[in-house]
């Protein structure tokens, strides 16, 4: 799931970016509305997280322009503005949710999960099917039981097919990370799934697209 984050508060932006990436979302963080507008032309996103009071183009004006251009991407506003007029304006422009600052960052994850992953599409690669909502994995329609390391690795790879994942990012899937432990875990995953996971020398690993 690709997310465009528009937030000019550096500390909050860094916090949200890190938290969303740890939840395996693909996050593009920009700090003003003009860069956000440019980003929407360069890339298709699944969700916009928009602050309102940001430089150059405010979040409300940005959404208005996007909707006029036919962009129907889902939107959650994150803003210190709590007046009824701002909230009403946001929803009238087509926002899906409005989260008032200050808020616990984890609350944002809960809202994203509730609104955007409650009815997920199954992900498939080879003979493996993965349900991102309940983490159920099947192989040729047979349910697989994966361990605490295998399951996060599978989720990470199947949502990043064709991308080279650094060893450091893969270490986040492990309680006691090391290069040797990662090699063992990936070999087990390859044997379980039949996937073509390539070692990219000195960088990490990549699940090849079929």
Protein backbone atom coordinates (compact mmCIF):
# COMPACT_ATOMS: atom_id res chain seq x y z
CA UNK A 1 0.00 0.00 0.00
CA UNK A 2 1.54 3.29 -1.15
CA UNK A 3 0.96 6.32 1.08
CA UNK A 4 1.68 9.98 0.36
CA UNK A 5 2.30 11.83 3.63
CA UNK A 6 2.04 15.64 3.60
CA UNK A 7 3.38 16.98 6.91
CA UNK A 8 5.62 20.00 7.56
CA UNK A 9 6.27 19.21 11.24
CA UNK A 10 9.65 17.47 11.02
CA UNK A 11 9.39 15.52 14.28
CA UNK A 12 5.86 14.28 13.59
CA UNK A 13 6.70 13.52 9.98
CA UNK A 14 9.72 11.42 10.97
CA UNK A 15 7.66 9.59 13.59
CA UNK A 16 4.81 8.79 11.19
CA UNK A 17 7.15 7.81 8.36
CA UNK A 18 9.08 5.38 10.56
CA UNK A 19 5.93 3.89 12.11
CA UNK A 20 4.21 3.37 8.75
CA UNK A 21 7.33 1.84 7.21
CA UNK A 22 7.62 -0.57 10.14
CA UNK A 23 4.02 -1.56 9.40
CA UNK A 24 5.24 -2.36 5.85
CA UNK A 25 3.59 0.59 4.11
CA UNK A 26 5.45 2.29 1.26
CA UNK A 27 5.62 5.94 2.41
CA UNK A 28 6.56 9.06 0.44
CA UNK A 29 6.87 12.03 2.80
CA UNK A 30 6.75 15.60 1.51
CA UNK A 31 6.72 18.85 3.49
CA UNK A 32 4.71 21.27 1.34
CA UNK A 33 1.58 21.11 -0.79
CA UNK A 34 3.35 21.90 -4.04
CA UNK A 35 5.63 18.86 -3.71
CA UNK A 36 2.60 16.76 -2.77
CA UNK A 37 0.82 17.87 -5.93
CA UNK A 38 3.88 17.02 -8.02
CA UNK A 39 4.11 13.60 -6.36
CA UNK A 40 0.52 12.75 -7.30
CA UNK A 41 1.41 13.26 -10.97
CA UNK A 42 4.50 11.06 -10.73
CA UNK A 43 3.05 8.16 -8.74
CA UNK A 44 -0.27 6.45 -8.02
CA UNK A 45 -1.01 6.18 -4.30
CA UNK A 46 -3.52 4.17 -2.30
CA UNK A 47 -3.91 6.77 0.45
CA UNK A 48 -3.16 10.43 1.08
CA UNK A 49 -2.36 11.58 4.64
CA UNK A 50 -2.69 15.35 4.50
CA UNK A 51 -1.96 18.06 7.02
CA UNK A 52 -3.90 21.27 6.32
CA UNK A 53 -1.66 24.14 7.42
CA UNK A 54 1.37 23.47 5.22
CA UNK A 55 3.44 25.78 2.97
CA UNK A 56 2.60 26.72 -0.65
CA UNK A 57 -0.67 24.75 -1.08
CA UNK A 58 -2.70 23.90 2.01
CA UNK A 59 -4.16 20.44 2.40
CA UNK A 60 -7.77 21.47 1.76
CA UNK A 61 -6.89 23.33 -1.44
CA UNK A 62 -4.73 20.40 -2.57
CA UNK A 63 -7.57 17.92 -2.12
CA UNK A 64 -9.96 20.26 -3.92
CA UNK A 65 -7.61 20.43 -6.91
CA UNK A 66 -7.09 16.66 -6.90
CA UNK A 67 -10.82 15.98 -6.86
CA UNK A 68 -11.38 18.47 -9.70
CA UNK A 69 -8.75 16.54 -11.67
CA UNK A 70 -10.66 13.30 -11.11
CA UNK A 71 -8.34 11.86 -8.44
CA UNK A 72 -10.47 9.64 -6.16
CA UNK A 73 -7.65 8.40 -3.89
CA UNK A 74 -8.73 7.98 -0.27
CA UNK A 75 -7.73 10.71 2.17
CA UNK A 76 -7.21 11.09 5.90
CA UNK A 77 -6.61 14.61 7.19
CA UNK A 78 -4.25 15.02 10.15
CA UNK A 79 -4.53 18.56 11.44
CA UNK A 80 -4.48 20.80 14.50
CA UNK A 81 -7.52 22.59 13.06
CA UNK A 82 -10.48 21.34 15.06
CA UNK A 83 -13.16 23.89 14.13
CA UNK A 84 -16.34 22.57 12.60
CA UNK A 85 -15.85 24.62 9.43
CA UNK A 86 -12.49 22.97 8.66
CA UNK A 87 -13.78 19.48 9.44
CA UNK A 88 -16.91 20.05 7.35
CA UNK A 89 -14.84 21.40 4.46
CA UNK A 90 -12.57 18.37 4.59
CA UNK A 91 -15.39 15.89 4.41
CA UNK A 92 -17.26 17.89 1.76
CA UNK A 93 -14.18 17.63 -0.47
CA UNK A 94 -14.24 13.85 -0.13
CA UNK A 95 -12.01 13.07 2.85
CA UNK A 96 -12.54 9.63 4.42
CA UNK A 97 -11.41 10.57 7.92
CA UNK A 98 -10.17 13.51 10.00
CA UNK A 99 -7.68 13.02 12.83
CA UNK A 100 -7.15 15.99 15.12
CA UNK A 101 -3.69 16.78 16.50
CA UNK A 102 -2.27 15.92 18.93
CA UNK A 103 -2.94 12.20 18.56
CA UNK A 104 -1.19 8.97 19.36
CA UNK A 105 0.57 7.81 16.17
CA UNK A 106 -0.73 4.29 16.78
CA UNK A 107 -4.28 5.65 16.42
CA UNK A 108 -3.50 6.47 12.81
CA UNK A 109 -2.52 2.85 12.16
CA UNK A 110 -5.78 1.68 13.71
CA UNK A 111 -7.80 3.99 11.49
CA UNK A 112 -5.93 2.97 8.35
CA UNK A 113 -6.45 -0.69 9.18
CA UNK A 114 -10.14 -0.19 9.96
CA UNK A 115 -10.91 1.81 6.83
CA UNK A 116 -8.57 0.47 4.21
CA UNK A 117 -7.64 -3.12 5.05
CA UNK A 118 -10.89 -4.46 6.52
CA UNK A 119 -11.69 -6.15 3.20
CA UNK A 120 -8.25 -6.88 1.74
CA UNK A 121 -7.55 -8.54 -1.53
CA UNK A 122 -5.63 -11.79 -1.36
CA UNK A 123 -2.01 -11.53 -2.48
CA UNK A 124 -0.65 -14.32 -4.68
CA UNK A 125 2.80 -15.34 -5.79
CA UNK A 126 3.40 -18.73 -7.31
CA UNK A 127 1.39 -21.33 -5.38
CA UNK A 128 1.27 -19.12 -2.26
CA UNK A 129 -1.77 -17.04 -1.29
CA UNK A 130 -1.59 -14.53 1.56
CA UNK A 131 -4.42 -12.74 3.34
CA UNK A 132 -2.92 -9.45 4.67
CA UNK A 133 -5.80 -8.93 7.09
CA UNK A 134 -5.51 -12.11 9.16
CA UNK A 135 -2.01 -13.23 8.01
CA UNK A 136 -3.39 -16.54 6.73
CA UNK A 137 -1.07 -18.30 4.28
CA UNK A 138 -2.09 -21.12 1.97
CA UNK A 139 -0.08 -23.23 -0.45
CA UNK A 140 -2.13 -24.85 -3.20
CA UNK A 141 -5.21 -24.23 -1.00
CA UNK A 142 -3.61 -25.93 2.04
CA UNK A 143 -3.19 -23.79 5.16
CA UNK A 144 0.42 -23.23 6.21
CA UNK A 145 1.60 -22.58 9.75
CA UNK A 146 4.62 -20.31 9.76
CA UNK A 147 6.80 -19.25 12.68
CA UNK A 148 7.42 -15.82 14.18
CA UNK A 149 10.22 -15.11 11.69
CA UNK A 150 8.88 -16.81 8.56
CA UNK A 151 5.52 -15.03 8.58
CA UNK A 152 6.87 -11.45 8.77
CA UNK A 153 9.44 -12.28 6.09
CA UNK A 154 6.76 -13.74 3.82
CA UNK A 155 4.58 -10.67 4.30
CA UNK A 156 7.49 -8.33 3.60
CA UNK A 157 8.54 -10.15 0.42
CA UNK A 158 5.06 -10.64 -1.06
CA UNK A 159 4.28 -6.95 -0.66
CA UNK A 160 7.58 -5.97 -2.28
CA UNK A 161 7.86 -8.35 -5.24
CA UNK A 162 10.67 -7.36 -7.61
CA UNK A 163 12.26 -4.93 -5.14
CA UNK A 164 15.63 -5.40 -3.49
CA UNK A 165 15.14 -5.40 0.30
CA UNK A 166 18.14 -4.46 2.38
CA UNK A 167 19.41 -6.82 5.05
CA UNK A 168 18.76 -4.09 7.61
CA UNK A 169 15.08 -3.87 6.68
CA UNK A 170 14.76 -7.66 6.83
CA UNK A 171 16.38 -7.69 10.27
CA UNK A 172 13.24 -5.89 11.52
CA UNK A 173 11.37 -9.17 10.98
CA UNK A 174 13.64 -10.97 13.45
CA UNK A 175 13.88 -10.90 17.23
CA UNK A 176 17.60 -11.78 17.23
CA UNK A 177 18.89 -10.58 13.86
CA UNK A 178 22.18 -11.57 12.31
CA UNK A 179 23.35 -12.25 8.77
CA UNK A 180 23.66 -15.99 9.38
CA UNK A 181 20.22 -16.20 11.01
CA UNK A 182 18.74 -14.26 8.09
CA UNK A 183 20.29 -16.65 5.56
CA UNK A 184 18.84 -19.63 7.41
CA UNK A 185 15.40 -18.01 7.66
CA UNK A 186 15.31 -17.11 3.97
CA UNK A 187 16.42 -20.59 2.92
CA UNK A 188 13.60 -22.05 5.00
CA UNK A 189 11.15 -19.63 3.40
CA UNK A 190 12.37 -20.59 -0.08
CA UNK A 191 11.90 -24.28 0.72
CA UNK A 192 8.43 -23.70 2.15
CA UNK A 193 7.14 -21.46 -0.62
CA UNK A 194 9.15 -22.50 -3.68
CA UNK A 195 9.88 -18.82 -4.27
CA UNK A 196 12.88 -17.55 -6.24
CA UNK A 197 14.48 -15.28 -3.62
CA UNK A 198 17.78 -13.96 -4.91
CA UNK A 199 20.74 -12.82 -2.82
CA UNK A 200 21.81 -9.35 -4.00
CA UNK A 201 25.46 -9.25 -2.98
CA UNK A 202 26.33 -6.82 -0.17
CA UNK A 203 22.81 -5.33 -0.24
CA UNK A 204 20.06 -7.79 0.61
CA UNK A 205 17.51 -10.05 -1.07
CA UNK A 206 14.87 -9.81 -3.80
CA UNK A 207 11.80 -11.93 -4.54
CA UNK A 208 11.81 -12.26 -8.31
CA UNK A 209 8.59 -11.56 -10.18
CA UNK A 210 7.31 -14.46 -12.22
